[in-house]
Amino acid sequence: MSSTTTVVAKKGKGKGGKGAKPKAEKHRKARTGTKLIVDNDVKRLALRAGVKRASSATVPAVRLKARDLLRRLLAAIGPSVELDKRRTIQVGDVILAYKVVSGGKAVFYERTQ
């Protein structure tokens, strides 16, 4: 006895697959500098800090503070990376720089679930 396999095409679907269709490209605004921090990012940070509502007027102030903090952190990270003759910033460098920038008042703790 020989068994033969027959291929039955489903009705209305055709034999071929869907094929590669080009995906629609999203049109995005080009953001540079502090504009990378969007309003929703600020609101998300505020919610994590326990704030119920955040005004849209707070967004520019948060952007300026974030830019200032990043500049001070990178200025503190630079010498330690150059001293070790590295080009990559590591987590320990950021923690050390944050302690230096905050005047030793930085407290790092693990999140509880």
PDB file of N, CA and C in Angstrom:
ATOM      1  N   MET A   1       0.824  -1.176   0.000  1.00  0.00           N
ATOM      2  CA  MET A   1       0.000   0.000   0.000  1.00  0.00           C
ATOM      3  C   MET A   1       0.870   1.242   0.000  1.00  0.00           C
ATOM      4  N   SER A   2       0.551   2.109  -0.870  1.00  0.00           N
ATOM      5  CA  SER A   2       1.282   3.369  -0.918  1.00  0.00           C
ATOM      6  C   SER A   2       0.340   4.491  -0.503  1.00  0.00           C
ATOM      7  N   SER A   3       0.872   5.374   0.302  1.00  0.00           N
ATOM      8  CA  SER A   3       0.040   6.480   0.761  1.00  0.00           C
ATOM      9  C   SER A   3       0.437   7.739   0.008  1.00  0.00           C
ATOM     10  N   THR A   4      -0.521   8.447  -0.448  1.00  0.00           N
ATOM     11  CA  THR A   4      -0.248   9.704  -1.142  1.00  0.00           C
ATOM     12  C   THR A   4      -0.800  10.850  -0.318  1.00  0.00           C
ATOM     13  N   THR A   5      -0.089  11.940  -0.319  1.00  0.00           N
ATOM     14  CA  THR A   5      -0.506  13.114   0.434  1.00  0.00           C
ATOM     15  C   THR A   5      -1.085  14.127  -0.540  1.00  0.00           C
ATOM     16  N   THR A   6      -2.247  14.590  -0.227  1.00  0.00           N
ATOM     17  CA  THR A   6      -2.851  15.613  -1.079  1.00  0.00           C
ATOM     18  C   THR A   6      -2.870  16.930  -0.328  1.00  0.00           C
ATOM     19  N   VAL A   7      -2.582  17.999  -1.030  1.00  0.00           N
ATOM     20  CA  VAL A   7      -2.575  19.333  -0.435  1.00  0.00           C
ATOM     21  C   VAL A   7      -3.886  20.001  -0.799  1.00  0.00           C
ATOM     22  N   VAL A   8      -4.616  20.398   0.222  1.00  0.00           N
ATOM     23  CA  VAL A   8      -5.884  21.065   0.004  1.00  0.00           C
ATOM     24  C   VAL A   8      -5.723  22.525   0.397  1.00  0.00           C
ATOM     25  N   ALA A   9      -5.943  23.413  -0.559  1.00  0.00           N
ATOM     26  CA  ALA A   9      -5.842  24.846  -0.268  1.00  0.00           C
ATOM     27  C   ALA A   9      -7.123  25.304   0.396  1.00  0.00           C
ATOM     28  N   LYS A  10      -6.994  26.150   1.412  1.00  0.00           N
ATOM     29  CA  LYS A  10      -8.175  26.668   2.083  1.00  0.00           C
ATOM     30  C   LYS A  10      -8.889  27.637   1.166  1.00  0.00           C
ATOM     31  N   LYS A  11     -10.160  27.678   1.292  1.00  0.00           N
ATOM     32  CA  LYS A  11     -10.972  28.507   0.416  1.00  0.00           C
ATOM     33  C   LYS A  11     -10.745  29.990   0.695  1.00  0.00           C
ATOM     34  N   GLY A  12     -10.495  30.734  -0.354  1.00  0.00           N
ATOM     35  CA  GLY A  12     -10.399  32.176  -0.230  1.00  0.00           C
ATOM     36  C   GLY A  12      -9.048  32.696   0.230  1.00  0.00           C
ATOM     37  N   LYS A  13      -8.130  31.804   0.609  1.00  0.00           N
ATOM     38  CA  LYS A  13      -6.843  32.249   1.124  1.00  0.00           C
ATOM     39  C   LYS A  13      -5.758  32.243   0.047  1.00  0.00           C
ATOM     40  N   GLY A  14      -5.915  31.496  -0.980  1.00  0.00           N
ATOM     41  CA  GLY A  14      -4.895  31.407  -2.012  1.00  0.00           C
ATOM     42  C   GLY A  14      -3.781  30.475  -1.595  1.00  0.00           C
ATOM     43  N   LYS A  15      -2.863  30.206  -2.504  1.00  0.00           N
ATOM     44  CA  LYS A  15      -1.789  29.259  -2.225  1.00  0.00           C
ATOM     45  C   LYS A  15      -0.594  29.917  -1.548  1.00  0.00           C
ATOM     46  N   GLY A  16      -0.322  31.167  -1.898  1.00  0.00           N
ATOM     47  CA  GLY A  16       0.873  31.815  -1.395  1.00  0.00           C
ATOM     48  C   GLY A  16       0.697  32.423  -0.021  1.00  0.00           C
ATOM     49  N   GLY A  17       1.812  32.849   0.559  1.00  0.00           N
ATOM     50  CA  GLY A  17       1.776  33.513   1.855  1.00  0.00           C
ATOM     51  C   GLY A  17       1.417  34.979   1.701  1.00  0.00           C
ATOM     52  N   LYS A  18       1.559  35.688   2.772  1.00  0.00           N
ATOM     53  CA  LYS A  18       1.208  37.106   2.744  1.00  0.00           C
ATOM     54  C   LYS A  18       2.262  37.930   2.011  1.00  0.00           C
ATOM     55  N   GLY A  19       3.486  37.457   1.999  1.00  0.00           N
ATOM     56  CA  GLY A  19       4.534  38.198   1.315  1.00  0.00           C
ATOM     57  C   GLY A  19       5.072  39.321   2.180  1.00  0.00           C
ATOM     58  N   ALA A  20       6.116  39.952   1.704  1.00  0.00           N
ATOM     59  CA  ALA A  20       6.739  41.034   2.451  1.00  0.00           C
ATOM     60  C   ALA A  20       6.144  42.356   2.009  1.00  0.00           C
ATOM     61  N   LYS A  21       5.375  42.937   2.873  1.00  0.00           N
ATOM     62  CA  LYS A  21       4.775  44.233   2.568  1.00  0.00           C
ATOM     63  C   LYS A  21       5.580  45.313   3.270  1.00  0.00           C
ATOM     64  N   PRO A  22       5.781  46.425   2.619  1.00  0.00           N
ATOM     65  CA  PRO A  22       6.542  47.503   3.290  1.00  0.00           C
ATOM     66  C   PRO A  22       5.742  48.082   4.446  1.00  0.00           C
ATOM     67  N   LYS A  23       6.408  48.248   5.553  1.00  0.00           N
ATOM     68  CA  LYS A  23       5.746  48.812   6.732  1.00  0.00           C
ATOM     69  C   LYS A  23       5.735  50.329   6.630  1.00  0.00           C
ATOM     70  N   ALA A  24       4.698  50.910   7.173  1.00  0.00           N
ATOM     71  CA  ALA A  24       4.583  52.367   7.143  1.00  0.00           C
ATOM     72  C   ALA A  24       5.610  52.974   8.093  1.00  0.00           C
ATOM     73  N   GLU A  25       6.301  53.978   7.617  1.00  0.00           N
ATOM     74  CA  GLU A  25       7.285  54.647   8.456  1.00  0.00           C
ATOM     75  C   GLU A  25       6.586  55.697   9.301  1.00  0.00           C
ATOM     76  N   LYS A  26       6.996  55.778  10.533  1.00  0.00           N
ATOM     77  CA  LYS A  26       6.401  56.773  11.418  1.00  0.00           C
ATOM     78  C   LYS A  26       7.072  58.117  11.176  1.00  0.00           C
ATOM     79  N   HIS A  27       6.262  59.134  11.144  1.00  0.00           N
ATOM     80  CA  HIS A  27       6.789  60.472  10.960  1.00  0.00           C
ATOM     81  C   HIS A  27       7.025  61.070  12.346  1.00  0.00           C
ATOM     82  N   ARG A  28       8.262  61.324  12.637  1.00  0.00           N
ATOM     83  CA  ARG A  28       8.618  61.840  13.950  1.00  0.00           C
ATOM     84  C   ARG A  28       9.287  63.193  13.813  1.00  0.00           C
ATOM     85  N   LYS A  29       9.090  64.006  14.819  1.00  0.00           N
ATOM     86  CA  LYS A  29       9.767  65.285  14.857  1.00  0.00           C
ATOM     87  C   LYS A  29      11.206  65.050  15.316  1.00  0.00           C
ATOM     88  N   ALA A  30      12.115  65.770  14.732  1.00  0.00           N
ATOM     89  CA  ALA A  30      13.509  65.660  15.129  1.00  0.00           C
ATOM     90  C   ALA A  30      13.691  66.441  16.423  1.00  0.00           C
ATOM     91  N   ARG A  31      14.121  65.748  17.477  1.00  0.00           N
ATOM     92  CA  ARG A  31      14.332  66.394  18.769  1.00  0.00           C
ATOM     93  C   ARG A  31      15.809  66.342  19.106  1.00  0.00           C
ATOM     94  N   THR A  32      16.323  67.434  19.612  1.00  0.00           N
ATOM     95  CA  THR A  32      17.727  67.476  19.997  1.00  0.00           C
ATOM     96  C   THR A  32      17.845  68.101  21.377  1.00  0.00           C
ATOM     97  N   GLY A  33      18.932  67.795  22.037  1.00  0.00           N
ATOM     98  CA  GLY A  33      19.224  68.399  23.328  1.00  0.00           C
ATOM     99  C   GLY A  33      18.196  68.060  24.392  1.00  0.00           C
ATOM    100  N   THR A  34      17.743  69.087  25.102  1.00  0.00           N
ATOM    101  CA  THR A  34      16.811  68.852  26.200  1.00  0.00           C
ATOM    102  C   THR A  34      15.408  68.563  25.705  1.00  0.00           C
ATOM    103  N   LYS A  35      15.151  68.755  24.430  1.00  0.00           N
ATOM    104  CA  LYS A  35      13.829  68.447  23.883  1.00  0.00           C
ATOM    105  C   LYS A  35      13.587  66.939  23.829  1.00  0.00           C
ATOM    106  N   LEU A  36      14.626  66.154  24.076  1.00  0.00           N
ATOM    107  CA  LEU A  36      14.460  64.698  24.111  1.00  0.00           C
ATOM    108  C   LEU A  36      13.610  64.269  25.306  1.00  0.00           C
ATOM    109  N   ILE A  37      13.567  65.104  26.340  1.00  0.00           N
ATOM    110  CA  ILE A  37      12.737  64.808  27.506  1.00  0.00           C
ATOM    111  C   ILE A  37      11.348  65.363  27.215  1.00  0.00           C
ATOM    112  N   VAL A  38      10.416  64.475  26.948  1.00  0.00           N
ATOM    113  CA  VAL A  38       9.076  64.865  26.520  1.00  0.00           C
ATOM    114  C   VAL A  38       8.200  65.075  27.754  1.00  0.00           C
ATOM    115  N   ASP A  39       7.041  65.720  27.554  1.00  0.00           N
ATOM    116  CA  ASP A  39       6.129  66.013  28.656  1.00  0.00           C
ATOM    117  C   ASP A  39       5.738  64.749  29.414  1.00  0.00           C
ATOM    118  N   ASN A  40       5.451  63.675  28.674  1.00  0.00           N
ATOM    119  CA  ASN A  40       5.034  62.431  29.333  1.00  0.00           C
ATOM    120  C   ASN A  40       6.147  61.846  30.199  1.00  0.00           C
ATOM    121  N   ASP A  41       7.405  62.053  29.802  1.00  0.00           N
ATOM    122  CA  ASP A  41       8.520  61.578  30.623  1.00  0.00           C
ATOM    123  C   ASP A  41       8.539  62.292  31.971  1.00  0.00           C
ATOM    124  N   VAL A  42       8.306  63.597  31.939  1.00  0.00           N
ATOM    125  CA  VAL A  42       8.296  64.377  33.178  1.00  0.00           C
ATOM    126  C   VAL A  42       7.131  63.954  34.059  1.00  0.00           C
ATOM    127  N   LYS A  43       5.975  63.747  33.446  1.00  0.00           N
ATOM    128  CA  LYS A  43       4.809  63.322  34.219  1.00  0.00           C
ATOM    129  C   LYS A  43       5.020  61.940  34.824  1.00  0.00           C
ATOM    130  N   ARG A  44       5.683  61.057  34.070  1.00  0.00           N
ATOM    131  CA  ARG A  44       5.964  59.717  34.583  1.00  0.00           C
ATOM    132  C   ARG A  44       6.901  59.783  35.791  1.00  0.00           C
ATOM    133  N   LEU A  45       7.922  60.642  35.701  1.00  0.00           N
ATOM    134  CA  LEU A  45       8.829  60.830  36.834  1.00  0.00           C
ATOM    135  C   LEU A  45       8.090  61.383  38.044  1.00  0.00           C
ATOM    136  N   ALA A  46       7.192  62.334  37.796  1.00  0.00           N
ATOM    137  CA  ALA A  46       6.422  62.930  38.895  1.00  0.00           C
ATOM    138  C   ALA A  46       5.519  61.893  39.543  1.00  0.00           C
ATOM    139  N   LEU A  47       4.906  61.039  38.742  1.00  0.00           N
ATOM    140  CA  LEU A  47       4.047  59.995  39.303  1.00  0.00           C
ATOM    141  C   LEU A  47       4.842  59.026  40.157  1.00  0.00           C
ATOM    142  N   ARG A  48       6.068  58.692  39.712  1.00  0.00           N
ATOM    143  CA  ARG A  48       6.910  57.787  40.508  1.00  0.00           C
ATOM    144  C   ARG A  48       7.322  58.443  41.825  1.00  0.00           C
ATOM    145  N   ALA A  49       7.403  59.778  41.822  1.00  0.00           N
ATOM    146  CA  ALA A  49       7.781  60.500  43.042  1.00  0.00           C
ATOM    147  C   ALA A  49       6.594  60.721  43.964  1.00  0.00           C
ATOM    148  N   GLY A  50       5.382  60.400  43.492  1.00  0.00           N
ATOM    149  CA  GLY A  50       4.211  60.524  44.340  1.00  0.00           C
ATOM    150  C   GLY A  50       3.350  61.740  44.068  1.00  0.00           C
ATOM    151  N   VAL A  51       3.627  62.445  42.981  1.00  0.00           N
ATOM    152  CA  VAL A  51       2.843  63.624  42.635  1.00  0.00           C
ATOM    153  C   VAL A  51       1.604  63.175  41.867  1.00  0.00           C
ATOM    154  N   LYS A  52       0.443  63.728  42.212  1.00  0.00           N
ATOM    155  CA  LYS A  52      -0.784  63.327  41.532  1.00  0.00           C
ATOM    156  C   LYS A  52      -0.926  64.001  40.177  1.00  0.00           C
ATOM    157  N   ARG A  53      -0.696  65.301  40.111  1.00  0.00           N
ATOM    158  CA  ARG A  53      -0.837  66.030  38.855  1.00  0.00           C
ATOM    159  C   ARG A  53       0.372  66.937  38.672  1.00  0.00           C
ATOM    160  N   ALA A  54       0.836  67.027  37.434  1.00  0.00           N
ATOM    161  CA  ALA A  54       1.974  67.902  37.139  1.00  0.00           C
ATOM    162  C   ALA A  54       1.565  68.899  36.069  1.00  0.00           C
ATOM    163  N   SER A  55       1.809  70.151  36.318  1.00  0.00           N
ATOM    164  CA  SER A  55       1.471  71.202  35.368  1.00  0.00           C
ATOM    165  C   SER A  55       2.437  71.158  34.192  1.00  0.00           C
ATOM    166  N   SER A  56       1.971  71.614  33.041  1.00  0.00           N
ATOM    167  CA  SER A  56       2.847  71.631  31.870  1.00  0.00           C
ATOM    168  C   SER A  56       3.925  72.702  31.997  1.00  0.00           C
ATOM    169  N   ALA A  57       3.738  73.633  32.918  1.00  0.00           N
ATOM    170  CA  ALA A  57       4.746  74.675  33.142  1.00  0.00           C
ATOM    171  C   ALA A  57       5.980  74.128  33.855  1.00  0.00           C
ATOM    172  N   THR A  58       5.868  72.964  34.467  1.00  0.00           N
ATOM    173  CA  THR A  58       7.010  72.376  35.167  1.00  0.00           C
ATOM    174  C   THR A  58       7.989  71.701  34.222  1.00  0.00           C
ATOM    175  N   VAL A  59       7.552  71.393  33.003  1.00  0.00           N
ATOM    176  CA  VAL A  59       8.386  70.636  32.071  1.00  0.00           C
ATOM    177  C   VAL A  59       9.685  71.368  31.726  1.00  0.00           C
ATOM    178  N   PRO A  60       9.662  72.670  31.362  1.00  0.00           N
ATOM    179  CA  PRO A  60      10.933  73.341  31.067  1.00  0.00           C
ATOM    180  C   PRO A  60      11.879  73.394  32.263  1.00  0.00           C
ATOM    181  N   ALA A  61      11.320  73.567  33.456  1.00  0.00           N
ATOM    182  CA  ALA A  61      12.176  73.605  34.649  1.00  0.00           C
ATOM    183  C   ALA A  61      12.844  72.258  34.887  1.00  0.00           C
ATOM    184  N   VAL A  62      12.097  71.182  34.687  1.00  0.00           N
ATOM    185  CA  VAL A  62      12.665  69.840  34.872  1.00  0.00           C
ATOM    186  C   VAL A  62      13.735  69.572  33.818  1.00  0.00           C
ATOM    187  N   ARG A  63      13.493  70.035  32.599  1.00  0.00           N
ATOM    188  CA  ARG A  63      14.493  69.864  31.540  1.00  0.00           C
ATOM    189  C   ARG A  63      15.792  70.571  31.887  1.00  0.00           C
ATOM    190  N   LEU A  64      15.700  71.800  32.409  1.00  0.00           N
ATOM    191  CA  LEU A  64      16.904  72.548  32.773  1.00  0.00           C
ATOM    192  C   LEU A  64      17.656  71.867  33.912  1.00  0.00           C
ATOM    193  N   LYS A  65      16.909  71.387  34.909  1.00  0.00           N
ATOM    194  CA  LYS A  65      17.552  70.709  36.044  1.00  0.00           C
ATOM    195  C   LYS A  65      18.220  69.413  35.596  1.00  0.00           C
ATOM    196  N   ALA A  66      17.559  68.666  34.690  1.00  0.00           N
ATOM    197  CA  ALA A  66      18.142  67.413  34.196  1.00  0.00           C
ATOM    198  C   ALA A  66      19.413  67.690  33.410  1.00  0.00           C
ATOM    199  N   ARG A  67      19.390  68.739  32.587  1.00  0.00           N
ATOM    200  CA  ARG A  67      20.573  69.094  31.812  1.00  0.00           C
ATOM    201  C   ARG A  67      21.719  69.501  32.735  1.00  0.00           C
ATOM    202  N   ASP A  68      21.405  70.274  33.765  1.00  0.00           N
ATOM    203  CA  ASP A  68      22.422  70.714  34.706  1.00  0.00           C
ATOM    204  C   ASP A  68      23.024  69.527  35.462  1.00  0.00           C
ATOM    205  N   LEU A  69      22.159  68.614  35.903  1.00  0.00           N
ATOM    206  CA  LEU A  69      22.641  67.433  36.625  1.00  0.00           C
ATOM    207  C   LEU A  69      23.520  66.563  35.735  1.00  0.00           C
ATOM    208  N   LEU A  70      23.114  66.366  34.487  1.00  0.00           N
ATOM    209  CA  LEU A  70      23.916  65.548  33.575  1.00  0.00           C
ATOM    210  C   LEU A  70      25.275  66.184  33.294  1.00  0.00           C
ATOM    211  N   ARG A  71      25.286  67.498  33.143  1.00  0.00           N
ATOM    212  CA  ARG A  71      26.576  68.174  32.922  1.00  0.00           C
ATOM    213  C   ARG A  71      27.509  68.001  34.109  1.00  0.00           C
ATOM    214  N   ARG A  72      26.964  68.165  35.329  1.00  0.00           N
ATOM    215  CA  ARG A  72      27.804  68.009  36.520  1.00  0.00           C
ATOM    216  C   ARG A  72      28.270  66.559  36.678  1.00  0.00           C
ATOM    217  N   LEU A  73      27.377  65.596  36.372  1.00  0.00           N
ATOM    218  CA  LEU A  73      27.762  64.186  36.465  1.00  0.00           C
ATOM    219  C   LEU A  73      28.869  63.855  35.470  1.00  0.00           C
ATOM    220  N   LEU A  74      28.713  64.297  34.235  1.00  0.00           N
ATOM    221  CA  LEU A  74      29.728  63.992  33.224  1.00  0.00           C
ATOM    222  C   LEU A  74      31.051  64.679  33.535  1.00  0.00           C
ATOM    223  N   ALA A  75      30.988  65.867  34.124  1.00  0.00           N
ATOM    224  CA  ALA A  75      32.221  66.547  34.521  1.00  0.00           C
ATOM    225  C   ALA A  75      32.929  65.791  35.637  1.00  0.00           C
ATOM    226  N   ALA A  76      32.150  65.140  36.509  1.00  0.00           N
ATOM    227  CA  ALA A  76      32.756  64.364  37.601  1.00  0.00           C
ATOM    228  C   ALA A  76      33.202  62.984  37.133  1.00  0.00           C
ATOM    229  N   ILE A  77      32.561  62.447  36.113  1.00  0.00           N
ATOM    230  CA  ILE A  77      32.915  61.120  35.607  1.00  0.00           C
ATOM    231  C   ILE A  77      34.192  61.176  34.780  1.00  0.00           C
ATOM    232  N   GLY A  78      34.381  62.255  34.038  1.00  0.00           N
ATOM    233  CA  GLY A  78      35.512  62.368  33.118  1.00  0.00           C
ATOM    234  C   GLY A  78      36.872  62.044  33.707  1.00  0.00           C
ATOM    235  N   PRO A  79      37.272  62.673  34.814  1.00  0.00           N
ATOM    236  CA  PRO A  79      38.610  62.400  35.353  1.00  0.00           C
ATOM    237  C   PRO A  79      38.827  60.941  35.772  1.00  0.00           C
ATOM    238  N   SER A  80      37.800  60.300  36.328  1.00  0.00           N
ATOM    239  CA  SER A  80      37.998  58.913  36.759  1.00  0.00           C
ATOM    240  C   SER A  80      38.160  57.971  35.570  1.00  0.00           C
ATOM    241  N   VAL A  81      37.469  58.262  34.491  1.00  0.00           N
ATOM    242  CA  VAL A  81      37.600  57.423  33.293  1.00  0.00           C
ATOM    243  C   VAL A  81      38.954  57.663  32.635  1.00  0.00           C
ATOM    244  N   GLU A  82      39.376  58.921  32.579  1.00  0.00           N
ATOM    245  CA  GLU A  82      40.675  59.235  31.975  1.00  0.00           C
ATOM    246  C   GLU A  82      41.822  58.668  32.803  1.00  0.00           C
ATOM    247  N   LEU A  83      41.660  58.662  34.123  1.00  0.00           N
ATOM    248  CA  LEU A  83      42.712  58.134  34.997  1.00  0.00           C
ATOM    249  C   LEU A  83      42.939  56.648  34.750  1.00  0.00           C
ATOM    250  N   ASP A  84      41.851  55.912  34.518  1.00  0.00           N
ATOM    251  CA  ASP A  84      41.963  54.476  34.246  1.00  0.00           C
ATOM    252  C   ASP A  84      42.238  54.174  32.778  1.00  0.00           C
ATOM    253  N   LYS A  85      42.375  55.218  31.963  1.00  0.00           N
ATOM    254  CA  LYS A  85      42.641  55.079  30.530  1.00  0.00           C
ATOM    255  C   LYS A  85      41.572  54.230  29.847  1.00  0.00           C
ATOM    256  N   ARG A  86      40.322  54.557  30.148  1.00  0.00           N
ATOM    257  CA  ARG A  86      39.185  53.861  29.529  1.00  0.00           C
ATOM    258  C   ARG A  86      38.415  54.839  28.675  1.00  0.00           C
ATOM    259  N   ARG A  87      37.585  54.285  27.794  1.00  0.00           N
ATOM    260  CA  ARG A  87      36.692  55.116  26.992  1.00  0.00           C
ATOM    261  C   ARG A  87      35.233  54.834  27.312  1.00  0.00           C
ATOM    262  N   THR A  88      35.001  53.839  28.144  1.00  0.00           N
ATOM    263  CA  THR A  88      33.634  53.429  28.468  1.00  0.00           C
ATOM    264  C   THR A  88      33.304  53.820  29.904  1.00  0.00           C
ATOM    265  N   ILE A  89      32.157  54.465  30.072  1.00  0.00           N
ATOM    266  CA  ILE A  89      31.680  54.815  31.408  1.00  0.00           C
ATOM    267  C   ILE A  89      30.969  53.606  31.996  1.00  0.00           C
ATOM    268  N   GLN A  90      31.329  53.254  33.229  1.00  0.00           N
ATOM    269  CA  GLN A  90      30.723  52.102  33.884  1.00  0.00           C
ATOM    270  C   GLN A  90      29.794  52.566  35.000  1.00  0.00           C
ATOM    271  N   VAL A  91      29.009  51.636  35.519  1.00  0.00           N
ATOM    272  CA  VAL A  91      28.021  51.959  36.547  1.00  0.00           C
ATOM    273  C   VAL A  91      28.696  52.532  37.794  1.00  0.00           C
ATOM    274  N   GLY A  92      29.804  51.961  38.175  1.00  0.00           N
ATOM    275  CA  GLY A  92      30.525  52.437  39.353  1.00  0.00           C
ATOM    276  C   GLY A  92      30.966  53.888  39.210  1.00  0.00           C
ATOM    277  N   ASP A  93      31.341  54.275  37.980  1.00  0.00           N
ATOM    278  CA  ASP A  93      31.730  55.666  37.739  1.00  0.00           C
ATOM    279  C   ASP A  93      30.564  56.614  37.981  1.00  0.00           C
ATOM    280  N   VAL A  94      29.378  56.213  37.528  1.00  0.00           N
ATOM    281  CA  VAL A  94      28.194  57.059  37.690  1.00  0.00           C
ATOM    282  C   VAL A  94      27.831  57.189  39.163  1.00  0.00           C
ATOM    283  N   ILE A  95      27.886  56.079  39.907  1.00  0.00           N
ATOM    284  CA  ILE A  95      27.547  56.106  41.331  1.00  0.00           C
ATOM    285  C   ILE A  95      28.540  56.986  42.094  1.00  0.00           C
ATOM    286  N   LEU A  96      29.825  56.842  41.778  1.00  0.00           N
ATOM    287  CA  LEU A  96      30.844  57.656  42.433  1.00  0.00           C
ATOM    288  C   LEU A  96      30.645  59.135  42.108  1.00  0.00           C
ATOM    289  N   ALA A  97      30.374  59.438  40.853  1.00  0.00           N
ATOM    290  CA  ALA A  97      30.163  60.828  40.448  1.00  0.00           C
ATOM    291  C   ALA A  97      28.916  61.409  41.102  1.00  0.00           C
ATOM    292  N   TYR A  98      27.880  60.586  41.235  1.00  0.00           N
ATOM    293  CA  TYR A  98      26.658  61.073  41.873  1.00  0.00           C
ATOM    294  C   TYR A  98      26.899  61.392  43.340  1.00  0.00           C
ATOM    295  N   LYS A  99      27.731  60.578  43.997  1.00  0.00           N
ATOM    296  CA  LYS A  99      28.072  60.867  45.392  1.00  0.00           C
ATOM    297  C   LYS A  99      28.894  62.141  45.491  1.00  0.00           C
ATOM    298  N   VAL A 100      29.774  62.373  44.538  1.00  0.00           N
ATOM    299  CA  VAL A 100      30.595  63.582  44.539  1.00  0.00           C
ATOM    300  C   VAL A 100      29.724  64.812  44.292  1.00  0.00           C
ATOM    301  N   VAL A 101      28.827  64.710  43.318  1.00  0.00           N
ATOM    302  CA  VAL A 101      27.971  65.847  42.959  1.00  0.00           C
ATOM    303  C   VAL A 101      27.017  66.201  44.089  1.00  0.00           C
ATOM    304  N   SER A 102      26.495  65.191  44.769  1.00  0.00           N
ATOM    305  CA  SER A 102      25.516  65.452  45.831  1.00  0.00           C
ATOM    306  C   SER A 102      26.179  65.768  47.167  1.00  0.00           C
ATOM    307  N   GLY A 103      27.488  65.787  47.212  1.00  0.00           N
ATOM    308  CA  GLY A 103      28.196  66.111  48.445  1.00  0.00           C
ATOM    309  C   GLY A 103      28.196  64.970  49.444  1.00  0.00           C
ATOM    310  N   GLY A 104      28.143  63.749  48.973  1.00  0.00           N
ATOM    311  CA  GLY A 104      28.156  62.583  49.845  1.00  0.00           C
ATOM    312  C   GLY A 104      26.818  62.253  50.458  1.00  0.00           C
ATOM    313  N   LYS A 105      25.764  62.945  50.043  1.00  0.00           N
ATOM    314  CA  LYS A 105      24.443  62.706  50.613  1.00  0.00           C
ATOM    315  C   LYS A 105      23.630  61.700  49.801  1.00  0.00           C
ATOM    316  N   ALA A 106      24.221  61.165  48.730  1.00  0.00           N
ATOM    317  CA  ALA A 106      23.492  60.241  47.859  1.00  0.00           C
ATOM    318  C   ALA A 106      23.247  58.932  48.588  1.00  0.00           C
ATOM    319  N   VAL A 107      22.015  58.486  48.556  1.00  0.00           N
ATOM    320  CA  VAL A 107      21.643  57.219  49.188  1.00  0.00           C
ATOM    321  C   VAL A 107      21.121  56.299  48.098  1.00  0.00           C
ATOM    322  N   PHE A 108      21.763  55.153  47.940  1.00  0.00           N
ATOM    323  CA  PHE A 108      21.324  54.175  46.957  1.00  0.00           C
ATOM    324  C   PHE A 108      20.741  52.989  47.703  1.00  0.00           C
ATOM    325  N   TYR A 109      19.598  52.558  47.299  1.00  0.00           N
ATOM    326  CA  TYR A 109      18.944  51.436  47.939  1.00  0.00           C
ATOM    327  C   TYR A 109      18.252  50.603  46.879  1.00  0.00           C
ATOM    328  N   GLU A 110      17.981  49.359  47.229  1.00  0.00           N
ATOM    329  CA  GLU A 110      17.314  48.459  46.302  1.00  0.00           C
ATOM    330  C   GLU A 110      15.830  48.650  46.382  1.00  0.00           C
ATOM    331  N   ARG A 111      15.160  48.499  45.246  1.00  0.00           N
ATOM    332  CA  ARG A 111      13.711  48.615  45.217  1.00  0.00           C
ATOM    333  C   ARG A 111      13.089  47.387  45.873  1.00  0.00           C
ATOM    334  N   THR A 112      12.074  47.606  46.654  1.00  0.00           N
ATOM    335  CA  THR A 112      11.346  46.481  47.239  1.00  0.00           C
ATOM    336  C   THR A 112      10.141  46.196  46.377  1.00  0.00           C
ATOM    337  N   GLN A 113       9.845  44.915  46.245  1.00  0.00           N
ATOM    338  CA  GLN A 113       8.744  44.558  45.362  1.00  0.00           C
ATOM    339  C   GLN A 113       7.494  44.261  46.131  1.00  0.00           C
TER     340      GLN A 113
END
